[in-house]
């Protein structure tokens, strides 16, 4: 497995943000992506993405083989929710590995949940997704979406060495389409792809990120049903 730069690496937080100012848009409004409700929240935040990210997802879908679709699971994550996810996962690791230095625990936590201050989801720049058939039936990608490293014994890593041939082929299909559309993968999570955030900037050599932390539009300005 290639060397992995984790979200907690100082090289990620050192990337400056030159905010592009694109709005968060509701991916359901376009009606072109399959949207799974497993991460749905009352405010509809899960279905929001920066406009530029959504356009790249739609392009990626056009690049998929006939009969396959992207299945969108989660996009924007409010900072308070990101903080809660990170703190809870960090606390679990701390309990499982007593005596491990806090800096190591922090880095381990960032394999699965991004530190809140640089989280791509809270910038509206990241999406969790998988592949599905036209009717929404998910394909085999080796683990469930959002399987943590402990649960999956590391199989959540995009290039994990031990997975079936169907799962590997499906990951390659997903990655080829999303990569060609300009998104980058976080290699500890096969389902996590982003564009315009700090991790994307580091991975692509961009001098700055395009998107920083975002605030969702008021509920009154969101599409009906959001």
C-alpha atoms as a PDB file:
ATOM      1  CA  UNK A   1       0.000   0.000   0.000  1.00  0.00           C
ATOM      2  CA  UNK A   2       1.385   3.419  -0.921  1.00  0.00           C
ATOM      3  CA  UNK A   3       2.323   5.885   1.814  1.00  0.00           C
ATOM      4  CA  UNK A   4      -0.764   7.748   2.979  1.00  0.00           C
ATOM      5  CA  UNK A   5      -0.879  11.373   4.085  1.00  0.00           C
ATOM      6  CA  UNK A   6      -3.516  11.653   6.798  1.00  0.00           C
ATOM      7  CA  UNK A   7      -5.841  14.602   7.301  1.00  0.00           C
ATOM      8  CA  UNK A   8      -4.049  15.380  10.580  1.00  0.00           C
ATOM      9  CA  UNK A   9      -0.737  15.916   8.781  1.00  0.00           C
ATOM     10  CA  UNK A  10       0.458  19.538   9.184  1.00  0.00           C
ATOM     11  CA  UNK A  11       0.987  19.684   5.428  1.00  0.00           C
ATOM     12  CA  UNK A  12      -2.795  19.633   5.005  1.00  0.00           C
ATOM     13  CA  UNK A  13      -3.630  22.376   7.503  1.00  0.00           C
ATOM     14  CA  UNK A  14      -0.787  24.505   6.090  1.00  0.00           C
ATOM     15  CA  UNK A  15      -2.618  24.894   2.773  1.00  0.00           C
ATOM     16  CA  UNK A  16      -4.130  28.366   2.476  1.00  0.00           C
ATOM     17  CA  UNK A  17      -7.732  28.834   1.365  1.00  0.00           C
ATOM     18  CA  UNK A  18      -8.601  31.259  -1.418  1.00  0.00           C
ATOM     19  CA  UNK A  19     -12.365  31.068  -1.039  1.00  0.00           C
ATOM     20  CA  UNK A  20     -14.147  30.887  -4.382  1.00  0.00           C
ATOM     21  CA  UNK A  21     -17.504  31.846  -2.890  1.00  0.00           C
ATOM     22  CA  UNK A  22     -19.587  29.235  -4.673  1.00  0.00           C
ATOM     23  CA  UNK A  23     -22.955  28.502  -3.067  1.00  0.00           C
ATOM     24  CA  UNK A  24     -23.986  25.240  -1.530  1.00  0.00           C
ATOM     25  CA  UNK A  25     -26.596  23.619  -3.755  1.00  0.00           C
ATOM     26  CA  UNK A  26     -28.970  20.726  -3.136  1.00  0.00           C
ATOM     27  CA  UNK A  27     -27.974  17.707  -5.213  1.00  0.00           C
ATOM     28  CA  UNK A  28     -31.585  16.486  -5.181  1.00  0.00           C
ATOM     29  CA  UNK A  29     -32.737  19.514  -7.131  1.00  0.00           C
ATOM     30  CA  UNK A  30     -30.941  18.424 -10.300  1.00  0.00           C
ATOM     31  CA  UNK A  31     -32.657  15.030 -10.138  1.00  0.00           C
ATOM     32  CA  UNK A  32     -29.704  13.385 -11.883  1.00  0.00           C
ATOM     33  CA  UNK A  33     -28.058  11.517  -9.021  1.00  0.00           C
ATOM     34  CA  UNK A  34     -29.365   8.638  -6.971  1.00  0.00           C
ATOM     35  CA  UNK A  35     -29.544   9.964  -3.392  1.00  0.00           C
ATOM     36  CA  UNK A  36     -29.545   7.544  -0.478  1.00  0.00           C
ATOM     37  CA  UNK A  37     -31.396   8.705   2.670  1.00  0.00           C
ATOM     38  CA  UNK A  38     -29.220   6.921   5.271  1.00  0.00           C
ATOM     39  CA  UNK A  39     -27.520  10.184   6.332  1.00  0.00           C
ATOM     40  CA  UNK A  40     -30.583  12.400   5.910  1.00  0.00           C
ATOM     41  CA  UNK A  41     -31.130  15.126   8.514  1.00  0.00           C
ATOM     42  CA  UNK A  42     -34.132  17.341   9.145  1.00  0.00           C
ATOM     43  CA  UNK A  43     -32.429  20.397   7.617  1.00  0.00           C
ATOM     44  CA  UNK A  44     -31.343  18.548   4.465  1.00  0.00           C
ATOM     45  CA  UNK A  45     -27.712  19.518   5.016  1.00  0.00           C
ATOM     46  CA  UNK A  46     -26.482  16.083   3.968  1.00  0.00           C
ATOM     47  CA  UNK A  47     -27.651  16.752   0.390  1.00  0.00           C
ATOM     48  CA  UNK A  48     -25.731  20.012  -0.045  1.00  0.00           C
ATOM     49  CA  UNK A  49     -22.491  20.437  -2.002  1.00  0.00           C
ATOM     50  CA  UNK A  50     -20.574  23.286  -3.544  1.00  0.00           C
ATOM     51  CA  UNK A  51     -21.824  23.924  -7.056  1.00  0.00           C
ATOM     52  CA  UNK A  52     -18.466  23.066  -8.634  1.00  0.00           C
ATOM     53  CA  UNK A  53     -18.311  19.724  -6.833  1.00  0.00           C
ATOM     54  CA  UNK A  54     -21.788  18.761  -7.985  1.00  0.00           C
ATOM     55  CA  UNK A  55     -20.930  19.576 -11.605  1.00  0.00           C
ATOM     56  CA  UNK A  56     -17.911  17.285 -11.396  1.00  0.00           C
ATOM     57  CA  UNK A  57     -20.019  14.494  -9.921  1.00  0.00           C
ATOM     58  CA  UNK A  58     -22.466  14.779 -12.787  1.00  0.00           C
ATOM     59  CA  UNK A  59     -19.566  14.600 -15.226  1.00  0.00           C
ATOM     60  CA  UNK A  60     -18.188  11.536 -13.431  1.00  0.00           C
ATOM     61  CA  UNK A  61     -21.551   9.832 -13.733  1.00  0.00           C
ATOM     62  CA  UNK A  62     -21.473  10.368 -17.493  1.00  0.00           C
ATOM     63  CA  UNK A  63     -18.132   8.537 -17.579  1.00  0.00           C
ATOM     64  CA  UNK A  64     -19.448   5.396 -15.874  1.00  0.00           C
ATOM     65  CA  UNK A  65     -20.184   2.253 -17.900  1.00  0.00           C
ATOM     66  CA  UNK A  66     -23.754   1.813 -19.077  1.00  0.00           C
ATOM     67  CA  UNK A  67     -26.075   0.604 -16.340  1.00  0.00           C
ATOM     68  CA  UNK A  68     -24.103   2.088 -13.447  1.00  0.00           C
ATOM     69  CA  UNK A  69     -24.921   5.144 -11.367  1.00  0.00           C
ATOM     70  CA  UNK A  70     -23.327   7.106  -8.564  1.00  0.00           C
ATOM     71  CA  UNK A  71     -25.207   6.664  -5.301  1.00  0.00           C
ATOM     72  CA  UNK A  72     -24.801   9.836  -3.226  1.00  0.00           C
ATOM     73  CA  UNK A  73     -24.727   9.265   0.541  1.00  0.00           C
ATOM     74  CA  UNK A  74     -23.513  12.463   2.235  1.00  0.00           C
ATOM     75  CA  UNK A  75     -22.138  15.849   1.283  1.00  0.00           C
ATOM     76  CA  UNK A  76     -22.093  18.887   3.552  1.00  0.00           C
ATOM     77  CA  UNK A  77     -21.637  18.304   7.252  1.00  0.00           C
ATOM     78  CA  UNK A  78     -22.182  21.254   9.642  1.00  0.00           C
ATOM     79  CA  UNK A  79     -19.066  22.035  11.724  1.00  0.00           C
ATOM     80  CA  UNK A  80     -20.780  21.168  15.007  1.00  0.00           C
ATOM     81  CA  UNK A  81     -21.689  17.719  13.688  1.00  0.00           C
ATOM     82  CA  UNK A  82     -18.170  17.209  12.366  1.00  0.00           C
ATOM     83  CA  UNK A  83     -16.774  18.120  15.782  1.00  0.00           C
ATOM     84  CA  UNK A  84     -19.107  15.645  17.483  1.00  0.00           C
ATOM     85  CA  UNK A  85     -18.155  12.817  15.126  1.00  0.00           C
ATOM     86  CA  UNK A  86     -14.446  13.504  15.591  1.00  0.00           C
ATOM     87  CA  UNK A  87     -14.604  13.797  19.376  1.00  0.00           C
ATOM     88  CA  UNK A  88     -16.643  10.606  19.730  1.00  0.00           C
ATOM     89  CA  UNK A  89     -14.332   8.578  17.536  1.00  0.00           C
ATOM     90  CA  UNK A  90     -11.251  10.001  19.262  1.00  0.00           C
ATOM     91  CA  UNK A  91     -12.715   9.133  22.665  1.00  0.00           C
ATOM     92  CA  UNK A  92     -13.325   5.562  21.511  1.00  0.00           C
ATOM     93  CA  UNK A  93      -9.739   5.201  20.336  1.00  0.00           C
ATOM     94  CA  UNK A  94      -8.480   6.671  23.602  1.00  0.00           C
ATOM     95  CA  UNK A  95     -10.433   4.056  25.558  1.00  0.00           C
ATOM     96  CA  UNK A  96      -9.220   1.204  23.360  1.00  0.00           C
ATOM     97  CA  UNK A  97      -5.574   2.277  23.403  1.00  0.00           C
ATOM     98  CA  UNK A  98      -4.816   3.664  26.855  1.00  0.00           C
ATOM     99  CA  UNK A  99      -1.360   5.142  27.175  1.00  0.00           C
ATOM    100  CA  UNK A 100      -0.988   6.008  23.494  1.00  0.00           C
ATOM    101  CA  UNK A 101       0.237   9.619  23.126  1.00  0.00           C
ATOM    102  CA  UNK A 102      -2.491  12.095  22.313  1.00  0.00           C
ATOM    103  CA  UNK A 103      -0.785  13.161  19.084  1.00  0.00           C
ATOM    104  CA  UNK A 104      -0.839   9.563  17.832  1.00  0.00           C
ATOM    105  CA  UNK A 105      -4.478   9.175  18.807  1.00  0.00           C
ATOM    106  CA  UNK A 106      -5.318  12.391  16.955  1.00  0.00           C
ATOM    107  CA  UNK A 107      -3.605  11.103  13.818  1.00  0.00           C
ATOM    108  CA  UNK A 108      -5.350   7.728  14.102  1.00  0.00           C
ATOM    109  CA  UNK A 109      -8.707   9.444  14.458  1.00  0.00           C
ATOM    110  CA  UNK A 110      -8.066  11.375  11.260  1.00  0.00           C
ATOM    111  CA  UNK A 111      -7.970   8.123   9.287  1.00  0.00           C
ATOM    112  CA  UNK A 112     -11.737   8.021   9.635  1.00  0.00           C
ATOM    113  CA  UNK A 113     -12.993  11.469  10.699  1.00  0.00           C
ATOM    114  CA  UNK A 114     -11.328  14.679   9.556  1.00  0.00           C
ATOM    115  CA  UNK A 115     -10.228  17.162  12.219  1.00  0.00           C
ATOM    116  CA  UNK A 116     -13.050  19.746  12.326  1.00  0.00           C
ATOM    117  CA  UNK A 117     -10.847  22.724  11.505  1.00  0.00           C
ATOM    118  CA  UNK A 118      -9.926  21.369   8.059  1.00  0.00           C
ATOM    119  CA  UNK A 119     -12.809  18.973   7.327  1.00  0.00           C
ATOM    120  CA  UNK A 120     -13.667  18.769   3.602  1.00  0.00           C
ATOM    121  CA  UNK A 121     -17.286  17.887   4.374  1.00  0.00           C
ATOM    122  CA  UNK A 122     -17.741  21.123   6.339  1.00  0.00           C
ATOM    123  CA  UNK A 123     -16.492  23.044   3.321  1.00  0.00           C
ATOM    124  CA  UNK A 124     -19.140  21.423   1.127  1.00  0.00           C
ATOM    125  CA  UNK A 125     -16.223  20.041  -0.877  1.00  0.00           C
ATOM    126  CA  UNK A 126     -16.455  16.324  -0.072  1.00  0.00           C
ATOM    127  CA  UNK A 127     -18.908  13.592  -0.873  1.00  0.00           C
ATOM    128  CA  UNK A 128     -19.371  10.063   0.421  1.00  0.00           C
ATOM    129  CA  UNK A 129     -20.768   7.849  -2.303  1.00  0.00           C
ATOM    130  CA  UNK A 130     -20.765   4.418  -3.895  1.00  0.00           C
ATOM    131  CA  UNK A 131     -21.747   2.644  -7.092  1.00  0.00           C
ATOM    132  CA  UNK A 132     -25.183   1.264  -7.834  1.00  0.00           C
ATOM    133  CA  UNK A 133     -27.256  -0.248 -10.576  1.00  0.00           C
ATOM    134  CA  UNK A 134     -29.946   1.835 -12.246  1.00  0.00           C
ATOM    135  CA  UNK A 135     -32.516   0.762  -9.653  1.00  0.00           C
ATOM    136  CA  UNK A 136     -30.295   1.822  -6.731  1.00  0.00           C
ATOM    137  CA  UNK A 137     -28.991  -1.639  -5.835  1.00  0.00           C
ATOM    138  CA  UNK A 138     -25.519  -1.122  -4.395  1.00  0.00           C
ATOM    139  CA  UNK A 139     -22.569  -2.937  -5.890  1.00  0.00           C
ATOM    140  CA  UNK A 140     -19.952  -4.812  -3.897  1.00  0.00           C
ATOM    141  CA  UNK A 141     -17.116  -2.466  -2.994  1.00  0.00           C
ATOM    142  CA  UNK A 142     -15.657  -4.584  -0.232  1.00  0.00           C
ATOM    143  CA  UNK A 143     -17.142  -2.854   2.828  1.00  0.00           C
ATOM    144  CA  UNK A 144     -20.155  -0.792   3.638  1.00  0.00           C
ATOM    145  CA  UNK A 145     -19.881   2.971   3.172  1.00  0.00           C
ATOM    146  CA  UNK A 146     -18.438   4.498   6.378  1.00  0.00           C
ATOM    147  CA  UNK A 147     -16.941   1.256   7.714  1.00  0.00           C
ATOM    148  CA  UNK A 148     -14.172   2.324  10.095  1.00  0.00           C
ATOM    149  CA  UNK A 149     -10.672   0.779  10.072  1.00  0.00           C
ATOM    150  CA  UNK A 150     -11.370  -1.268  13.187  1.00  0.00           C
ATOM    151  CA  UNK A 151     -14.641  -2.733  11.948  1.00  0.00           C
ATOM    152  CA  UNK A 152     -13.271  -3.525   8.487  1.00  0.00           C
ATOM    153  CA  UNK A 153      -9.769  -4.639   9.539  1.00  0.00           C
ATOM    154  CA  UNK A 154      -8.399  -2.030   7.157  1.00  0.00           C
ATOM    155  CA  UNK A 155     -10.505  -3.082   4.166  1.00  0.00           C
ATOM    156  CA  UNK A 156     -11.936   0.457   4.072  1.00  0.00           C
ATOM    157  CA  UNK A 157      -8.577   1.641   2.707  1.00  0.00           C
ATOM    158  CA  UNK A 158      -9.004   2.245  -1.009  1.00  0.00           C
ATOM    159  CA  UNK A 159      -6.030   0.076  -1.992  1.00  0.00           C
ATOM    160  CA  UNK A 160      -6.455  -2.540   0.729  1.00  0.00           C
ATOM    161  CA  UNK A 161      -4.665  -5.699  -0.396  1.00  0.00           C
ATOM    162  CA  UNK A 162      -7.303  -8.213   0.677  1.00  0.00           C
ATOM    163  CA  UNK A 163     -10.605  -7.890  -1.164  1.00  0.00           C
ATOM    164  CA  UNK A 164     -12.511  -9.884  -3.729  1.00  0.00           C
ATOM    165  CA  UNK A 165     -12.015  -9.290  -7.458  1.00  0.00           C
ATOM    166  CA  UNK A 166     -15.499  -7.825  -7.890  1.00  0.00           C
ATOM    167  CA  UNK A 167     -14.970  -5.266  -5.132  1.00  0.00           C
ATOM    168  CA  UNK A 168     -11.567  -4.300  -6.506  1.00  0.00           C
ATOM    169  CA  UNK A 169     -12.940  -3.905 -10.020  1.00  0.00           C
ATOM    170  CA  UNK A 170     -15.809  -1.768  -8.749  1.00  0.00           C
ATOM    171  CA  UNK A 171     -13.462   0.469  -6.763  1.00  0.00           C
ATOM    172  CA  UNK A 172     -11.351   0.913  -9.885  1.00  0.00           C
ATOM    173  CA  UNK A 173     -14.430   1.812 -11.925  1.00  0.00           C
ATOM    174  CA  UNK A 174     -15.554   4.354  -9.328  1.00  0.00           C
ATOM    175  CA  UNK A 175     -12.081   5.837  -9.012  1.00  0.00           C
ATOM    176  CA  UNK A 176     -11.530   6.105 -12.757  1.00  0.00           C
ATOM    177  CA  UNK A 177     -14.695   8.143 -13.266  1.00  0.00           C
ATOM    178  CA  UNK A 178     -14.278  10.413 -10.259  1.00  0.00           C
ATOM    179  CA  UNK A 179     -10.575  10.946 -10.880  1.00  0.00           C
ATOM    180  CA  UNK A 180     -11.192  11.850 -14.513  1.00  0.00           C
ATOM    181  CA  UNK A 181     -13.741  14.413 -13.322  1.00  0.00           C
ATOM    182  CA  UNK A 182     -11.136  16.091 -11.112  1.00  0.00           C
ATOM    183  CA  UNK A 183     -11.950  14.701  -7.656  1.00  0.00           C
ATOM    184  CA  UNK A 184      -9.410  13.127  -5.319  1.00  0.00           C
ATOM    185  CA  UNK A 185      -9.844  10.248  -2.913  1.00  0.00           C
ATOM    186  CA  UNK A 186      -8.942  10.106   0.765  1.00  0.00           C
ATOM    187  CA  UNK A 187      -7.104   6.770   0.653  1.00  0.00           C
ATOM    188  CA  UNK A 188      -8.285   5.474   4.030  1.00  0.00           C
ATOM    189  CA  UNK A 189     -11.916   5.683   2.840  1.00  0.00           C
ATOM    190  CA  UNK A 190     -12.755   4.344  -0.606  1.00  0.00           C
ATOM    191  CA  UNK A 191     -16.090   6.193  -0.596  1.00  0.00           C
ATOM    192  CA  UNK A 192     -14.721   9.688   0.251  1.00  0.00           C
ATOM    193  CA  UNK A 193     -13.933  11.991  -2.689  1.00  0.00           C
ATOM    194  CA  UNK A 194     -13.427  15.743  -2.763  1.00  0.00           C
ATOM    195  CA  UNK A 195     -12.656  18.749  -4.908  1.00  0.00           C
ATOM    196  CA  UNK A 196     -11.429  22.187  -3.902  1.00  0.00           C
ATOM    197  CA  UNK A 197     -10.586  21.496  -0.244  1.00  0.00           C
ATOM    198  CA  UNK A 198      -7.156  21.506   1.405  1.00  0.00           C
ATOM    199  CA  UNK A 199      -6.588  17.784   0.908  1.00  0.00           C
ATOM    200  CA  UNK A 200      -7.426  18.143  -2.789  1.00  0.00           C
ATOM    201  CA  UNK A 201      -4.960  21.032  -3.036  1.00  0.00           C
ATOM    202  CA  UNK A 202      -2.185  18.979  -1.458  1.00  0.00           C
ATOM    203  CA  UNK A 203      -2.930  15.953  -3.647  1.00  0.00           C
ATOM    204  CA  UNK A 204      -3.030  17.951  -6.884  1.00  0.00           C
ATOM    205  CA  UNK A 205      -0.260  20.447  -6.157  1.00  0.00           C
ATOM    206  CA  UNK A 206      -2.611  23.415  -6.151  1.00  0.00           C
ATOM    207  CA  UNK A 207      -1.101  26.336  -4.184  1.00  0.00           C
ATOM    208  CA  UNK A 208      -4.404  27.061  -2.434  1.00  0.00           C
ATOM    209  CA  UNK A 209      -7.703  25.428  -1.620  1.00  0.00           C
ATOM    210  CA  UNK A 210     -10.828  26.816  -3.264  1.00  0.00           C
ATOM    211  CA  UNK A 211     -13.310  26.211  -0.451  1.00  0.00           C
ATOM    212  CA  UNK A 212     -13.164  26.867   3.284  1.00  0.00           C
ATOM    213  CA  UNK A 213     -15.794  26.168   5.951  1.00  0.00           C
ATOM    214  CA  UNK A 214     -19.263  26.901   4.635  1.00  0.00           C
ATOM    215  CA  UNK A 215     -22.569  27.904   6.167  1.00  0.00           C
ATOM    216  CA  UNK A 216     -25.745  26.370   4.749  1.00  0.00           C
ATOM    217  CA  UNK A 217     -28.355  28.662   3.203  1.00  0.00           C
ATOM    218  CA  UNK A 218     -31.357  29.551   5.365  1.00  0.00           C
ATOM    219  CA  UNK A 219     -34.095  26.943   5.292  1.00  0.00           C
ATOM    220  CA  UNK A 220     -36.427  29.435   3.652  1.00  0.00           C
ATOM    221  CA  UNK A 221     -34.125  29.589   0.608  1.00  0.00           C
ATOM    222  CA  UNK A 222     -33.721  25.859   0.112  1.00  0.00           C
ATOM    223  CA  UNK A 223     -35.636  23.856  -2.484  1.00  0.00           C
ATOM    224  CA  UNK A 224     -38.994  22.382  -1.565  1.00  0.00           C
ATOM    225  CA  UNK A 225     -38.541  19.129   0.287  1.00  0.00           C
ATOM    226  CA  UNK A 226     -35.079  20.057   1.577  1.00  0.00           C
END
